[in-house]
Structures are given as C-alpha cells and as structure tokens.
Amino acid sequence: GCKAAAFSVAWFIQRVISATHSAVLGGLLASRHLLKFANERGILTIDEADTLLDEAAGWGLAAAGLYFQLSHHMQLPTWLAIVLFPFSALETLLQWMVTWSK
C-alpha cells in the first residue's frame, strides 16, 4: 500500500528530474550546433565565445521541451508509443525489478 505509493511518487519525481536534465542538455546542444552551422554557412558571423545567444536559445528550447513533457504527463504521443512499445515495456520491467527486488 504505502510502499507502492512511495515508489510511484519517487519514480515520477525521477522522471521529472531526468526530463529537466535532458531538456537543458538537449536545448543547449541543439542551439550551439545550430549557431555553429549558421556560422559555417555564412548566415551569421558571431563568435560563440562572445555571445549569450546560444545559451538564450538553448534555455528557450529547454523550456519548450520541458513544457511539452510536463503538459503530456511524461507520456509519449500515441503514434510514438506504438513504435517504441518494446522499449517502453522494457523500461517498465526494469522499474518493476528495481522497485520490488530484494
């Protein structure tokens, strides 16, 4: 009863922490590479070390990604859930094994 509820809350909190971490890293990675790509193509001529543009864009992407995750209750869209079902099932099995193994 109480143990199952506690584990459920703990797993949800861990998912939020992981989603936040992934959103920040992914947003910064995408924005930095987009800025580098734009510099290589001559679209922009900004020195990456002299601007905060990559950080601002990265944090914006991170906020949008995290909002998407939280607004969808940390669930995959239906079409993606079907495609990734084997991985979702494996994740559930691993969570169950970690939670209830002695």
Protein backbone atom coordinates (compact mmCIF):
# COMPACT_ATOMS: atom_id res chain seq x y z
CA GLY A 1 0.00 0.00 0.00
CA CYS A 2 2.19 2.80 1.32
CA LYS A 3 5.37 1.34 -0.14
CA ALA A 4 3.83 1.13 -3.62
CA ALA A 5 2.61 4.72 -3.40
CA ALA A 6 6.00 5.92 -2.21
CA PHE A 7 7.78 4.15 -5.06
CA SER A 8 5.30 5.55 -7.57
CA VAL A 9 5.94 9.10 -6.34
CA ALA A 10 9.71 8.51 -6.31
CA TRP A 11 9.68 7.23 -9.91
CA PHE A 12 7.59 10.22 -11.02
CA ILE A 13 9.96 12.69 -9.35
CA GLN A 14 12.91 10.93 -11.00
CA ARG A 15 11.20 11.24 -14.38
CA VAL A 16 10.74 14.99 -13.87
CA ILE A 17 14.39 15.37 -12.84
CA SER A 18 15.55 13.33 -15.87
CA ALA A 19 13.28 15.29 -18.22
CA THR A 20 14.65 18.59 -16.89
CA HIS A 21 18.23 17.44 -17.26
CA SER A 22 17.63 16.13 -20.77
CA ALA A 23 15.80 19.30 -21.80
CA VAL A 24 18.63 21.56 -20.63
CA LEU A 25 21.38 19.46 -22.22
CA GLY A 26 19.43 18.93 -25.44
CA GLY A 27 18.45 22.59 -25.77
CA LEU A 28 22.00 23.81 -25.28
CA LEU A 29 23.43 21.15 -27.60
CA ALA A 30 20.94 21.98 -30.36
CA SER A 31 21.38 25.74 -30.09
CA ARG A 32 25.18 25.57 -30.04
CA HIS A 33 25.31 23.34 -33.10
CA LEU A 34 22.73 25.46 -34.91
CA LEU A 35 24.83 28.57 -34.23
CA LYS A 36 27.96 26.74 -35.43
CA PHE A 37 26.11 25.59 -38.56
CA ALA A 38 24.91 29.15 -39.26
CA ASN A 39 28.46 30.46 -38.83
CA GLU A 40 29.88 27.84 -41.21
CA ARG A 41 27.27 28.67 -43.85
CA GLY A 42 27.85 32.42 -43.51
CA ILE A 43 24.31 33.06 -42.28
CA LEU A 44 25.68 34.54 -39.05
CA THR A 45 29.12 35.84 -38.18
CA ILE A 46 29.03 35.65 -34.41
CA ASP A 47 31.85 34.40 -32.24
CA GLU A 48 30.36 31.77 -29.95
CA ALA A 49 32.57 32.85 -27.06
CA ASP A 50 31.43 36.49 -27.27
CA THR A 51 27.66 35.96 -27.22
CA LEU A 52 24.99 34.53 -25.00
CA LEU A 53 22.77 33.78 -27.99
CA ASP A 54 23.43 30.04 -27.80
CA GLU A 55 22.60 29.95 -24.09
CA ALA A 56 19.43 32.03 -24.52
CA ALA A 57 18.23 29.89 -27.43
CA GLY A 58 19.22 26.72 -25.58
CA TRP A 59 17.31 27.66 -22.45
CA GLY A 60 14.32 28.59 -24.61
CA LEU A 61 14.40 25.21 -26.32
CA ALA A 62 14.82 23.53 -22.94
CA ALA A 63 11.80 25.36 -21.53
CA ALA A 64 9.68 24.42 -24.56
CA GLY A 65 10.78 20.78 -24.37
CA LEU A 66 10.16 20.53 -20.65
CA TYR A 67 6.76 22.19 -21.02
CA PHE A 68 5.85 19.66 -23.72
CA GLN A 69 6.89 16.76 -21.50
CA LEU A 70 5.02 18.03 -18.45
CA SER A 71 1.90 19.02 -20.40
CA HIS A 72 1.72 15.49 -21.81
CA HIS A 73 2.14 14.00 -18.31
CA MET A 74 5.50 12.47 -19.22
CA GLN A 75 3.80 10.16 -21.75
CA LEU A 76 4.76 9.54 -25.36
CA PRO A 77 2.38 10.63 -28.13
CA THR A 78 0.24 7.69 -29.24
CA TRP A 79 1.97 7.15 -32.59
CA LEU A 80 5.39 7.17 -30.93
CA ALA A 81 4.22 4.91 -28.09
CA ILE A 82 3.24 2.29 -30.67
CA VAL A 83 6.61 2.48 -32.41
CA LEU A 84 8.59 2.42 -29.17
CA PHE A 85 6.42 -0.12 -27.33
CA PRO A 86 9.23 -2.70 -26.90
CA PHE A 87 11.43 -0.10 -25.21
CA SER A 88 8.58 1.15 -23.01
CA ALA A 89 7.81 -2.41 -21.94
CA LEU A 90 11.47 -2.99 -21.12
CA GLU A 91 11.59 0.23 -19.10
CA THR A 92 8.51 -0.81 -17.12
CA LEU A 93 10.02 -4.24 -16.49
CA LEU A 94 13.28 -2.70 -15.27
CA GLN A 95 11.42 -0.29 -12.98
CA TRP A 96 9.43 -3.18 -11.56
CA MET A 97 12.56 -5.25 -10.99
CA VAL A 98 14.41 -2.39 -9.27
CA THR A 99 11.44 -1.48 -7.13
CA TRP A 100 10.46 -4.94 -5.93
CA SER A 101 13.69 -6.95 -5.92
CA LYS A 102 15.20 -7.79 -2.57
